[in-house]
N, C-alpha and C. Protein backbone atom coordinates (compact mmCIF):
# COMPACT_ATOMS: atom_id res chain seq x y z
N UNK A 1 253.25 165.24 38.82
CA UNK A 1 254.72 165.06 37.77
C UNK A 1 254.41 166.41 37.50
N UNK A 2 255.77 166.95 37.45
CA UNK A 2 256.07 168.62 37.08
C UNK A 2 255.83 168.18 35.37
N UNK A 3 255.35 169.49 35.05
CA UNK A 3 254.89 169.88 33.47
C UNK A 3 255.88 170.59 33.28
N UNK A 4 256.09 170.99 32.05
CA UNK A 4 257.13 172.10 31.92
C UNK A 4 256.16 173.33 31.40
N UNK A 5 255.01 173.38 31.30
CA UNK A 5 254.18 174.27 30.99
C UNK A 5 253.45 175.01 32.26
N UNK A 6 253.82 174.46 33.17
CA UNK A 6 252.81 174.34 34.51
C UNK A 6 253.13 175.91 34.81
N UNK A 7 254.38 176.49 35.03
CA UNK A 7 254.74 177.84 35.54
C UNK A 7 254.07 178.78 34.80
N UNK A 8 254.18 178.84 33.14
CA UNK A 8 253.56 179.83 32.64
C UNK A 8 252.09 179.98 32.85
N UNK A 9 251.75 178.58 32.71
CA UNK A 9 250.14 178.82 32.99
C UNK A 9 249.85 179.64 34.32
N UNK A 10 250.43 179.38 35.15
CA UNK A 10 250.48 179.74 36.64
C UNK A 10 250.34 181.20 36.56
N UNK A 11 251.46 181.61 35.90
CA UNK A 11 251.95 183.11 35.74
C UNK A 11 250.67 183.80 35.03
N UNK A 12 249.94 183.12 34.03
CA UNK A 12 248.89 183.68 33.36
C UNK A 12 247.60 183.93 34.10
N UNK A 13 247.59 182.87 34.90
CA UNK A 13 246.52 182.90 35.83
C UNK A 13 246.52 183.81 36.82
N UNK A 14 247.75 184.30 37.36
CA UNK A 14 247.95 185.37 38.17
C UNK A 14 247.81 186.69 38.08
N UNK A 15 247.96 186.59 36.62
CA UNK A 15 247.71 187.92 35.90
C UNK A 15 246.63 188.62 35.64
N UNK A 16 245.59 187.24 35.43
CA UNK A 16 243.97 187.18 35.27
C UNK A 16 243.45 188.03 36.36
N UNK A 17 243.87 186.81 37.60
CA UNK A 17 243.68 187.41 38.88
C UNK A 17 243.44 188.94 39.47
N UNK A 18 244.79 189.31 38.97
CA UNK A 18 244.93 190.58 39.29
C UNK A 18 244.44 191.61 38.48
N UNK A 19 244.32 191.52 37.49
CA UNK A 19 243.14 192.40 36.45
C UNK A 19 241.77 192.23 37.24
N UNK A 20 241.36 191.07 37.32
CA UNK A 20 240.01 191.26 37.96
C UNK A 20 239.77 192.06 39.09
N UNK A 21 240.66 191.94 39.95
CA UNK A 21 240.91 192.81 41.19
C UNK A 21 240.90 194.24 41.21
N UNK A 22 241.42 194.71 39.95
CA UNK A 22 241.82 195.89 39.51
C UNK A 22 240.74 196.35 38.88
N UNK A 23 239.96 195.68 37.95
CA UNK A 23 238.95 196.04 37.12
C UNK A 23 237.31 196.45 37.71
N UNK A 24 237.11 194.96 38.90
CA UNK A 24 235.54 195.11 39.53
C UNK A 24 235.53 196.28 40.42
N UNK A 25 236.29 196.63 41.18
CA UNK A 25 236.12 197.99 42.04
C UNK A 25 235.77 199.04 41.32
N UNK A 26 236.44 198.93 39.86
CA UNK A 26 236.27 200.36 39.19
C UNK A 26 234.90 200.14 38.46
N UNK A 27 234.23 198.98 37.94
CA UNK A 27 233.39 198.78 37.39
C UNK A 27 232.07 199.02 38.52
N UNK A 28 232.28 198.51 39.67
CA UNK A 28 231.23 198.57 40.74
C UNK A 28 230.92 200.26 41.04
N UNK A 29 232.20 200.93 41.08
CA UNK A 29 231.85 202.30 41.26
C UNK A 29 231.49 203.03 39.97
N UNK A 30 231.52 202.41 38.95
CA UNK A 30 230.98 203.12 37.74
C UNK A 30 229.42 203.08 37.84
N UNK A 31 229.06 201.47 38.37
CA UNK A 31 227.71 201.33 38.21
C UNK A 31 226.71 202.17 39.24
N UNK A 32 227.68 202.41 40.52
CA UNK A 32 227.05 203.20 41.39
C UNK A 32 226.87 204.74 41.41
N UNK A 33 227.99 205.13 40.63
CA UNK A 33 227.83 206.54 39.82
C UNK A 33 226.83 206.52 38.76
N UNK A 34 226.58 205.44 38.26
CA UNK A 34 225.62 205.59 37.05
C UNK A 34 224.25 205.64 37.44
N UNK A 35 223.80 205.02 38.52
CA UNK A 35 222.75 204.86 39.18
C UNK A 35 222.47 206.08 40.07
N UNK A 36 223.24 206.87 40.38
CA UNK A 36 222.99 207.84 41.29
C UNK A 36 221.83 209.01 40.60
N UNK A 37 220.93 209.08 41.38
CA UNK A 37 219.59 210.07 41.17
C UNK A 37 219.85 211.33 41.78
N UNK A 38 219.66 212.34 40.97
CA UNK A 38 219.32 213.66 41.89
C UNK A 38 218.21 213.71 41.92
N UNK A 39 218.42 214.56 43.72
CA UNK A 39 217.24 214.98 44.09
C UNK A 39 216.27 216.08 43.43
N UNK A 40 215.25 216.24 43.62
CA UNK A 40 214.65 216.99 43.18
C UNK A 40 214.39 218.44 43.91
N UNK A 41 214.52 219.71 43.06
CA UNK A 41 213.71 220.94 43.88
C UNK A 41 213.00 221.46 42.58
N UNK A 42 211.58 221.69 42.82
CA UNK A 42 210.48 222.25 42.00
C UNK A 42 209.65 223.05 42.76
N UNK A 43 208.89 223.72 41.54
CA UNK A 43 207.82 224.32 42.52
C UNK A 43 206.31 224.11 41.55
N UNK A 44 205.07 224.24 42.25
CA UNK A 44 203.62 224.11 42.09
C UNK A 44 203.43 225.41 41.74
N UNK A 45 202.99 225.83 40.59
CA UNK A 45 202.56 227.04 39.89
C UNK A 45 201.14 226.88 39.56
N UNK A 46 200.23 227.24 40.69
CA UNK A 46 198.83 226.78 40.04
C UNK A 46 198.03 228.26 39.99
N UNK A 47 197.23 227.92 38.93
CA UNK A 47 196.01 229.21 38.59
C UNK A 47 195.01 228.98 39.86
N UNK A 48 194.68 230.12 40.43
CA UNK A 48 193.57 230.34 41.16
C UNK A 48 192.44 231.26 40.98
N UNK A 49 192.45 231.55 39.71
CA UNK A 49 191.45 232.33 39.18
C UNK A 49 190.48 231.82 39.29
N UNK A 50 189.29 232.80 38.95
CA UNK A 50 187.60 232.31 38.71
C UNK A 50 187.66 231.21 37.85
N UNK A 51 188.37 231.06 36.73
CA UNK A 51 188.01 229.79 35.75
C UNK A 51 188.50 228.43 36.57
N UNK A 52 188.94 228.23 37.60
CA UNK A 52 189.22 227.33 38.37
C UNK A 52 188.22 226.97 39.44
N UNK A 53 187.19 227.68 39.37
CA UNK A 53 186.09 227.53 40.51
C UNK A 53 185.67 226.13 40.78
N UNK A 54 185.35 225.64 39.44
CA UNK A 54 184.93 224.00 39.54
C UNK A 54 185.85 223.03 39.55
N UNK A 55 186.95 223.80 39.36
CA UNK A 55 188.35 222.42 39.18
C UNK A 55 188.93 222.42 40.36
N UNK A 56 189.07 223.34 41.49
CA UNK A 56 189.71 223.33 42.37
C UNK A 56 189.92 221.82 43.38
N UNK A 57 188.79 221.34 43.61
CA UNK A 57 189.08 219.97 44.42
C UNK A 57 189.90 219.15 43.58
N UNK A 58 190.10 219.28 42.22
CA UNK A 58 190.96 218.20 41.39
C UNK A 58 192.26 218.66 41.39
N UNK A 59 192.59 220.03 41.39
CA UNK A 59 193.69 220.66 41.24
C UNK A 59 194.11 220.36 42.59
N UNK A 60 193.61 220.27 43.87
CA UNK A 60 194.40 219.92 44.88
C UNK A 60 194.58 218.44 44.99
N UNK A 61 193.63 217.86 44.53
CA UNK A 61 194.58 216.11 44.59
C UNK A 61 195.52 215.85 43.60
N UNK A 62 195.35 216.23 42.62
CA UNK A 62 196.69 216.48 41.62
C UNK A 62 197.90 216.87 42.20
N UNK A 63 198.11 218.11 42.75
CA UNK A 63 199.31 218.74 43.47
C UNK A 63 199.54 217.92 44.54
N UNK A 64 198.82 217.50 45.80
CA UNK A 64 199.11 216.43 46.92
C UNK A 64 199.30 215.02 46.29
N UNK A 65 198.79 214.57 45.50
CA UNK A 65 199.28 213.18 44.48
C UNK A 65 200.79 213.31 44.08
N UNK A 66 201.00 214.23 43.43
CA UNK A 66 202.58 214.34 42.95
C UNK A 66 203.57 214.63 44.15
N UNK A 67 202.85 215.55 45.06
CA UNK A 67 203.70 215.63 46.20
C UNK A 67 204.20 214.67 47.10
N UNK A 68 203.17 213.91 47.10
CA UNK A 68 203.05 212.68 48.17
C UNK A 68 204.49 211.76 47.30
N UNK A 69 204.82 211.75 46.12
CA UNK A 69 205.80 210.86 45.61
C UNK A 69 207.26 211.73 46.05
N UNK A 70 206.99 212.45 46.52
CA UNK A 70 208.67 213.20 46.78
C UNK A 70 209.42 212.16 47.56
N UNK A 71 210.72 211.99 47.30
CA UNK A 71 211.61 211.36 48.09
C UNK A 71 211.98 212.28 49.22
N UNK A 72 212.77 211.89 50.20
CA UNK A 72 212.94 212.43 51.48
C UNK A 72 214.05 213.85 51.50
N UNK A 73 214.68 213.63 50.26
CA UNK A 73 215.70 214.78 49.90
C UNK A 73 215.29 215.67 48.77
N UNK A 74 213.60 215.26 48.31
CA UNK A 74 213.20 216.14 47.53
C UNK A 74 212.64 217.47 48.30
N UNK A 75 212.65 218.50 47.42
CA UNK A 75 211.86 219.67 47.98
C UNK A 75 210.81 220.27 46.89
N UNK A 76 210.12 221.10 47.50
CA UNK A 76 208.95 221.96 46.58
C UNK A 76 208.56 222.79 47.09
N UNK A 77 207.83 223.96 46.57
CA UNK A 77 207.08 225.15 46.93
C UNK A 77 205.77 225.07 46.14
N UNK A 78 204.80 226.05 46.78
CA UNK A 78 203.60 226.28 46.13
C UNK A 78 203.57 227.75 45.80
N UNK A 79 203.28 228.34 44.44
CA UNK A 79 202.76 229.35 44.23
C UNK A 79 201.69 229.49 43.39
N UNK A 80 200.62 230.03 44.37
CA UNK A 80 199.64 230.37 43.48
C UNK A 80 199.13 231.98 42.88
N UNK A 81 198.45 231.90 41.67
CA UNK A 81 198.46 233.41 41.01
C UNK A 81 197.18 233.63 40.57
N UNK A 82 196.95 234.82 40.49
CA UNK A 82 195.72 235.60 39.51
C UNK A 82 196.17 236.64 38.75
N UNK A 83 196.03 237.77 39.07
CA UNK A 83 196.97 238.83 38.72
C UNK A 83 198.12 239.06 39.44
N UNK A 84 199.03 240.07 39.02
CA UNK A 84 200.19 240.20 39.75
C UNK A 84 200.07 240.68 41.47
N UNK A 85 198.68 241.12 41.82
CA UNK A 85 198.72 241.90 43.22
C UNK A 85 198.10 240.32 43.96
N UNK A 86 197.73 239.40 43.30
CA UNK A 86 197.23 238.12 44.09
C UNK A 86 197.72 236.78 43.46
N UNK A 87 199.29 236.97 43.40
CA UNK A 87 200.33 235.82 43.24
C UNK A 87 201.27 235.92 44.26
N UNK A 88 201.31 234.82 45.01
CA UNK A 88 201.94 234.43 46.14
C UNK A 88 202.69 233.38 46.31
N UNK A 89 203.58 232.98 47.09
CA UNK A 89 204.21 231.88 47.43
C UNK A 89 203.19 231.78 48.95
N UNK A 90 202.63 230.44 48.44
CA UNK A 90 201.97 229.93 49.91
C UNK A 90 202.60 229.15 50.70
N UNK A 91 203.45 228.51 49.99
CA UNK A 91 204.32 227.26 50.85
C UNK A 91 205.97 227.44 50.36
N UNK A 92 206.89 227.94 50.98
CA UNK A 92 208.30 228.16 50.71
C UNK A 92 208.76 226.67 50.52
N UNK A 93 210.30 226.93 49.90
CA UNK A 93 210.54 225.52 49.52
C UNK A 93 210.82 224.59 50.67
N UNK A 94 210.40 223.34 50.65
CA UNK A 94 210.46 222.32 51.86
C UNK A 94 210.67 221.21 51.44
N UNK A 95 210.84 220.56 52.40
CA UNK A 95 210.86 218.75 52.11
C UNK A 95 209.92 217.95 53.02
N UNK A 96 209.04 218.89 53.73
CA UNK A 96 208.00 218.41 54.54
C UNK A 96 206.64 218.12 53.81
N UNK A 97 206.40 217.44 53.54
CA UNK A 97 204.99 217.03 52.85
C UNK A 97 203.96 217.45 53.42
N UNK A 98 203.75 217.21 54.90
CA UNK A 98 202.74 217.96 55.63
C UNK A 98 202.59 219.30 55.42
N UNK A 99 203.68 220.08 55.62
CA UNK A 99 203.83 221.44 55.12
C UNK A 99 203.02 221.82 53.54
N UNK A 100 203.33 221.13 52.87
CA UNK A 100 202.98 221.46 51.39
C UNK A 100 201.71 221.25 51.08
N UNK A 101 201.13 219.97 51.93
CA UNK A 101 199.75 219.48 51.75
C UNK A 101 198.87 220.46 52.66
N UNK A 102 199.14 220.97 53.50
CA UNK A 102 198.51 222.05 54.46
C UNK A 102 198.27 223.33 53.41
N UNK A 103 199.21 223.69 52.73
CA UNK A 103 199.18 225.00 51.96
C UNK A 103 198.26 224.46 50.85
N UNK A 104 198.48 223.35 50.25
CA UNK A 104 197.66 223.23 48.93
C UNK A 104 196.47 223.20 49.43
N UNK A 105 195.93 222.34 50.39
CA UNK A 105 194.39 222.28 50.95
C UNK A 105 193.76 223.92 51.21
N UNK A 106 194.77 224.91 51.60
CA UNK A 106 194.07 226.13 51.83
C UNK A 106 194.25 227.08 50.37
N UNK A 107 194.27 226.72 49.59
CA UNK A 107 193.87 227.42 47.94
C UNK A 107 192.64 227.77 48.18
N UNK A 108 192.29 228.90 47.32
CA UNK A 108 190.98 228.99 47.04
C UNK A 108 190.88 230.07 46.02
N UNK A 109 189.88 230.05 45.24
CA UNK A 109 189.58 230.94 44.08
C UNK A 109 189.63 232.45 44.44
N UNK A 110 190.05 233.11 43.41
CA UNK A 110 190.02 234.65 43.51
C UNK A 110 189.80 235.18 42.31
N UNK A 111 189.10 236.50 42.40
CA UNK A 111 188.43 237.26 40.95
C UNK A 111 189.67 237.63 40.69
N UNK A 112 189.60 238.01 39.18
CA UNK A 112 190.69 238.78 38.57
C UNK A 112 191.40 237.70 37.31
N UNK A 113 192.08 238.80 36.51
CA UNK A 113 192.54 237.87 35.10
C UNK A 113 193.90 237.31 35.39
N UNK A 114 194.17 236.04 34.67
CA UNK A 114 195.57 235.44 35.06
C UNK A 114 196.76 236.02 34.10
N UNK A 115 197.76 236.08 35.54
CA UNK A 115 199.01 236.56 34.79
C UNK A 115 199.87 235.30 34.83
N UNK A 116 199.65 234.66 33.72
CA UNK A 116 200.81 233.36 33.82
C UNK A 116 202.20 233.32 33.72
N UNK A 117 202.33 234.04 32.63
CA UNK A 117 203.93 234.22 32.32
C UNK A 117 204.56 234.87 33.68
N UNK A 118 204.06 236.36 34.07
CA UNK A 118 204.55 236.47 35.40
C UNK A 118 204.72 235.66 36.40
N UNK A 119 203.82 234.92 36.70
CA UNK A 119 203.79 233.96 37.84
C UNK A 119 204.77 232.68 37.47
N UNK A 120 205.18 232.50 36.37
CA UNK A 120 206.09 231.61 35.63
C UNK A 120 207.45 232.21 36.02
N UNK A 121 207.84 233.36 35.37
CA UNK A 121 208.86 234.28 35.87
C UNK A 121 209.31 234.64 37.31
N UNK A 122 208.15 234.81 38.06
CA UNK A 122 208.64 235.14 39.50
C UNK A 122 209.02 233.75 39.99
N UNK A 123 208.27 232.32 39.79
CA UNK A 123 208.73 231.12 40.16
C UNK A 123 210.11 230.48 39.77
N UNK A 124 210.51 231.00 38.43
CA UNK A 124 211.73 230.61 37.96
C UNK A 124 212.88 231.33 39.02
N UNK A 125 212.87 232.89 39.14
CA UNK A 125 213.77 233.59 40.02
C UNK A 125 213.76 232.97 41.60
N UNK A 126 212.29 232.58 42.04
CA UNK A 126 212.23 232.03 43.36
C UNK A 126 213.09 230.64 43.33
N UNK A 127 212.81 230.01 42.33
CA UNK A 127 213.68 228.77 42.73
C UNK A 127 215.11 228.72 42.40
N UNK A 128 215.56 229.33 41.52
CA UNK A 128 217.39 229.63 41.56
C UNK A 128 217.70 230.60 42.40
N UNK A 129 216.92 231.30 43.14
CA UNK A 129 217.53 232.21 44.50
C UNK A 129 217.59 231.26 45.75
N UNK A 130 216.48 230.02 45.84
CA UNK A 130 216.39 229.28 46.93
C UNK A 130 216.97 228.04 47.07
N UNK A 131 217.56 227.39 46.14
CA UNK A 131 217.95 226.03 46.18
C UNK A 131 219.45 226.15 46.37
N UNK A 132 219.80 225.22 47.25
CA UNK A 132 221.21 225.22 47.50
C UNK A 132 221.76 224.04 46.57
N UNK A 133 223.40 224.00 46.20
CA UNK A 133 223.92 223.19 45.75
C UNK A 133 222.88 222.85 44.23
N UNK A 134 222.57 223.48 43.83
CA UNK A 134 221.96 223.47 42.23
C UNK A 134 222.50 222.36 41.18
N UNK A 135 224.03 221.99 41.11
CA UNK A 135 224.31 221.16 40.37
C UNK A 135 223.72 219.70 40.67
N UNK A 136 223.44 219.40 41.87
CA UNK A 136 223.26 218.18 42.32
C UNK A 136 221.57 217.87 42.44
N UNK A 137 220.92 219.08 41.96
CA UNK A 137 219.56 218.82 41.84
C UNK A 137 219.05 218.99 40.41
N UNK A 138 217.78 218.43 40.37
CA UNK A 138 216.99 218.64 39.23
C UNK A 138 215.98 219.68 39.31
N UNK A 139 215.99 220.63 38.40
CA UNK A 139 215.03 221.76 38.37
C UNK A 139 213.79 221.68 37.53
N UNK A 140 212.54 222.15 38.15
CA UNK A 140 211.24 222.08 37.34
C UNK A 140 210.11 222.64 38.30
N UNK A 141 209.36 223.44 37.34
CA UNK A 141 208.25 223.73 37.70
C UNK A 141 206.84 223.09 36.95
N UNK A 142 205.94 222.89 38.09
CA UNK A 142 204.53 222.32 37.73
C UNK A 142 203.37 223.15 37.47
N UNK A 143 203.36 223.41 36.18
CA UNK A 143 202.52 224.70 36.00
C UNK A 143 200.92 224.16 35.76
N UNK A 144 200.11 224.64 36.69
CA UNK A 144 198.63 224.08 36.60
C UNK A 144 197.68 225.28 35.91
N UNK A 145 197.42 225.23 34.72
CA UNK A 145 196.70 226.53 34.45
C UNK A 145 195.73 226.25 33.24
N UNK A 146 195.15 227.22 32.61
CA UNK A 146 194.17 226.69 31.23
C UNK A 146 194.66 227.34 30.22
N UNK A 147 195.81 228.23 30.65
CA UNK A 147 196.53 228.78 29.49
C UNK A 147 195.94 230.26 28.93
N UNK A 148 194.87 230.56 29.90
CA UNK A 148 194.05 231.98 29.49
C UNK A 148 195.11 233.16 30.01
N UNK A 149 196.21 233.48 29.09
CA UNK A 149 196.73 234.39 29.82
C UNK A 149 196.41 235.93 29.30
N UNK A 150 196.18 236.60 30.37
CA UNK A 150 195.54 238.01 30.05
C UNK A 150 196.10 239.07 30.63
N UNK A 151 197.11 239.35 31.66
CA UNK A 151 197.63 240.43 32.26
C UNK A 151 199.06 240.37 32.63
N UNK A 152 199.76 239.62 31.76
CA UNK A 152 201.26 239.69 32.29
C UNK A 152 202.14 240.64 31.21
N UNK A 153 202.97 241.34 31.91
CA UNK A 153 204.09 242.42 31.15
C UNK A 153 204.88 241.32 30.48
N UNK A 154 205.08 240.39 31.25
CA UNK A 154 206.37 239.36 30.55
C UNK A 154 206.00 238.79 29.44
N UNK A 155 206.98 238.51 28.76
CA UNK A 155 206.71 237.88 27.26
C UNK A 155 207.35 236.61 27.36
N UNK A 156 206.66 235.68 26.33
CA UNK A 156 206.94 234.42 26.33
C UNK A 156 208.53 234.00 25.99
N UNK A 157 208.92 234.68 25.02
CA UNK A 157 210.40 234.47 24.48
C UNK A 157 211.30 234.87 25.77
N UNK A 158 211.14 235.49 26.74
CA UNK A 158 211.82 236.05 27.93
C UNK A 158 211.59 234.77 29.15
N UNK A 159 210.85 234.61 29.01
CA UNK A 159 210.38 233.72 30.22
C UNK A 159 210.66 232.36 29.88
N UNK A 160 210.71 232.02 28.43
CA UNK A 160 211.39 230.50 28.06
C UNK A 160 212.96 230.31 28.30
N UNK A 161 213.29 231.41 27.79
CA UNK A 161 214.80 232.18 27.98
C UNK A 161 215.25 231.97 29.20
N UNK A 162 214.66 232.70 30.46
CA UNK A 162 214.98 232.65 31.59
C UNK A 162 215.25 230.82 32.03
N UNK A 163 214.16 230.32 31.70
CA UNK A 163 213.92 228.70 32.32
C UNK A 163 215.24 227.78 31.97
N UNK A 164 215.42 228.22 30.57
CA UNK A 164 216.48 227.42 29.66
C UNK A 164 217.76 227.67 30.47
N UNK A 165 218.05 228.71 30.82
CA UNK A 165 219.26 229.26 31.22
C UNK A 165 219.41 228.88 32.68
N UNK A 166 218.41 228.86 33.54
CA UNK A 166 218.44 228.00 34.48
C UNK A 166 218.25 226.61 34.85
N UNK A 167 218.13 226.00 33.54
CA UNK A 167 218.29 224.78 33.67
C UNK A 167 216.69 224.10 34.43
N UNK A 168 215.61 224.84 34.19
CA UNK A 168 214.70 224.65 34.74
C UNK A 168 213.45 223.87 33.71
N UNK A 169 212.99 222.97 33.82
CA UNK A 169 211.82 222.33 32.91
C UNK A 169 210.49 222.51 33.25
N UNK A 170 209.56 223.01 32.53
CA UNK A 170 208.49 223.50 33.01
C UNK A 170 207.37 222.35 32.37
N UNK A 171 206.80 221.68 33.17
CA UNK A 171 205.73 220.66 33.36
C UNK A 171 204.42 221.33 33.07
N UNK A 172 203.58 220.98 32.37
CA UNK A 172 202.21 221.54 32.39
C UNK A 172 201.25 220.44 32.52
N UNK A 173 200.37 221.10 33.28
CA UNK A 173 198.85 220.35 33.34
C UNK A 173 197.83 221.20 33.22
N UNK A 174 197.01 221.16 31.90
CA UNK A 174 196.44 222.12 31.09
C UNK A 174 195.06 221.66 31.65
N UNK A 175 194.35 222.32 32.37
CA UNK A 175 192.83 221.67 32.60
C UNK A 175 191.84 223.06 32.43
N UNK A 176 190.82 222.70 32.29
CA UNK A 176 189.33 223.66 31.99
C UNK A 176 188.53 223.29 32.09
N UNK A 177 187.16 223.66 32.52
CA UNK A 177 185.68 223.31 32.67
C UNK A 177 185.32 223.65 31.16
N UNK A 178 186.17 224.37 30.56
CA UNK A 178 185.53 224.91 29.13
C UNK A 178 186.91 224.77 28.05
N UNK A 179 187.48 225.73 27.70
CA UNK A 179 188.55 225.21 26.78
C UNK A 179 190.24 225.83 27.31
N UNK A 180 191.01 225.02 27.06
CA UNK A 180 192.44 225.05 27.34
C UNK A 180 193.23 225.59 26.01
N UNK A 181 193.93 226.73 26.37
CA UNK A 181 194.85 227.03 25.34
C UNK A 181 196.24 226.30 25.13
N UNK A 182 195.86 225.10 24.59
CA UNK A 182 196.87 224.18 24.46
C UNK A 182 198.19 224.83 23.90
N UNK A 183 197.89 225.67 22.68
CA UNK A 183 199.31 226.45 22.04
C UNK A 183 199.85 226.89 22.93
N UNK A 184 199.45 227.96 23.69
CA UNK A 184 200.16 228.53 24.76
C UNK A 184 201.02 227.98 25.49
N UNK A 185 200.42 226.88 26.24
CA UNK A 185 200.81 225.90 27.10
C UNK A 185 201.95 225.21 26.78
N UNK A 186 201.93 224.81 25.38
CA UNK A 186 202.73 224.05 24.65
C UNK A 186 203.98 224.75 24.47
N UNK A 187 203.83 225.68 24.32
CA UNK A 187 205.23 226.69 24.06
C UNK A 187 206.01 226.90 25.30
N UNK A 188 205.56 227.03 26.47
CA UNK A 188 206.12 227.02 27.62
C UNK A 188 206.74 225.25 28.08
N UNK A 189 206.22 224.40 27.80
CA UNK A 189 206.67 223.28 28.14
C UNK A 189 207.57 222.85 27.08
N UNK A 190 207.21 222.72 25.82
CA UNK A 190 208.50 222.13 25.12
C UNK A 190 209.35 223.01 24.96
N UNK A 191 209.14 224.51 25.09
CA UNK A 191 210.31 225.49 24.87
C UNK A 191 211.42 225.16 25.83
N UNK A 192 211.13 224.45 26.94
CA UNK A 192 212.01 224.73 28.31
C UNK A 192 212.58 222.86 28.52
N UNK A 193 211.92 222.04 27.56
CA UNK A 193 212.34 220.77 27.47
C UNK A 193 211.74 220.10 28.46
N UNK A 194 210.37 220.45 28.50
CA UNK A 194 209.31 219.67 29.40
C UNK A 194 208.29 219.26 28.89
N UNK A 195 207.03 219.00 29.41
CA UNK A 195 205.93 218.11 28.31
C UNK A 195 204.74 218.93 28.93
N UNK A 196 203.75 218.50 28.13
CA UNK A 196 202.39 218.99 28.72
C UNK A 196 201.34 217.76 28.85
N UNK A 197 200.48 218.04 29.68
CA UNK A 197 199.29 217.08 29.69
C UNK A 197 197.96 217.71 29.66
N UNK A 198 197.10 216.98 29.59
CA UNK A 198 196.03 217.68 29.41
C UNK A 198 194.66 216.82 29.85
N UNK A 199 194.49 216.62 31.17
CA UNK A 199 193.40 215.51 31.59
C UNK A 199 192.18 216.33 31.39
N UNK A 200 191.11 215.45 31.31
CA UNK A 200 189.83 216.18 30.84
C UNK A 200 188.67 215.83 32.07
N UNK A 201 189.12 214.53 32.31
CA UNK A 201 188.11 214.11 33.65
C UNK A 201 188.92 213.72 35.06
N UNK A 202 188.44 213.78 36.03
CA UNK A 202 188.88 213.75 37.52
C UNK A 202 189.79 212.22 37.30
N UNK A 203 189.25 211.31 36.65
CA UNK A 203 190.02 209.85 36.55
C UNK A 203 191.46 209.88 35.79
N UNK A 204 191.22 210.70 34.39
CA UNK A 204 192.45 211.42 34.02
C UNK A 204 193.34 211.91 34.65
N UNK A 205 192.91 212.93 35.60
CA UNK A 205 193.87 213.64 36.35
C UNK A 205 194.55 212.68 37.38
N UNK A 206 194.25 211.84 37.88
CA UNK A 206 194.72 210.85 38.70
C UNK A 206 195.61 210.32 37.94
N UNK A 207 195.55 209.85 36.66
CA UNK A 207 196.71 209.24 35.94
C UNK A 207 197.68 210.13 35.74
N UNK A 208 197.29 211.47 35.38
CA UNK A 208 198.17 212.24 35.05
C UNK A 208 199.28 212.79 35.84
N UNK A 209 198.61 212.47 37.56
CA UNK A 209 199.54 212.94 38.60
C UNK A 209 200.76 211.72 38.69
N UNK A 210 200.45 210.60 38.13
CA UNK A 210 201.57 209.76 38.15
C UNK A 210 202.69 210.04 36.72
N UNK A 211 202.08 210.52 36.05
CA UNK A 211 202.78 211.01 34.58
C UNK A 211 203.66 212.20 34.90
N UNK A 212 202.97 213.09 35.90
CA UNK A 212 204.12 214.10 36.49
C UNK A 212 205.19 213.93 37.25
N UNK A 213 204.86 213.09 37.92
CA UNK A 213 205.63 212.58 39.13
C UNK A 213 206.72 212.37 38.16
N UNK A 214 206.72 211.19 37.60
CA UNK A 214 207.68 210.53 36.39
C UNK A 214 208.19 211.73 35.72
N UNK A 215 207.68 212.70 35.06
CA UNK A 215 208.19 213.67 34.14
C UNK A 215 209.28 214.51 34.88
N UNK A 216 209.05 214.36 36.45
CA UNK A 216 209.88 215.46 36.91
C UNK A 216 211.37 214.74 37.21
N UNK A 217 211.19 213.50 37.54
CA UNK A 217 212.68 212.62 37.22
C UNK A 217 213.34 212.39 35.95
N UNK A 218 212.69 212.70 35.07
CA UNK A 218 213.17 212.76 33.40
C UNK A 218 212.72 211.27 32.91
N UNK A 219 211.86 210.67 33.29
CA UNK A 219 211.59 209.50 32.90
C UNK A 219 210.48 209.32 31.83
């Protein structure tokens, strides 16, 4: 039997369906956009001075553990440092984990005073010069050091400013078989929006590797 209110109700139902058809794709698009994660471009900046003689095995495991968690479109480089004459990029920016692992396992300790700030500044310049499509990348440095700065002409303020201007966070892993200068390392990390970790044992270093990998993605 025909109802006088049938047509108005049908019109309302049609309007609701049309609205849902319009809104749902927009919501889906928004969810897809919101869930999109930026790939990583970062560098390992690793102290190879004599104070790391007893720590090198732990450092190698740390770097390899972090790098192993890279996604296919992530990329990283390895820079090792002592003084300015013994600071070098051992592995150029690469998404090849095997290349990075080989370079890491070939690190060795050298004599000389640590130039931490110079090494960090060089790493900032290297990263900004070599990353393509920077707007689509998360940029960071993973600094492994005891914080014993002894030979850098560079100043803390200028290095922190350069990192912030390049939108590069510095994630610090402070390690030493004696004493870590946490005050120095904290300034580098916190001044750039990064974080510092201080593992004291091999077991803690394994846990920190997980934390560093998460921190790189801003988690």
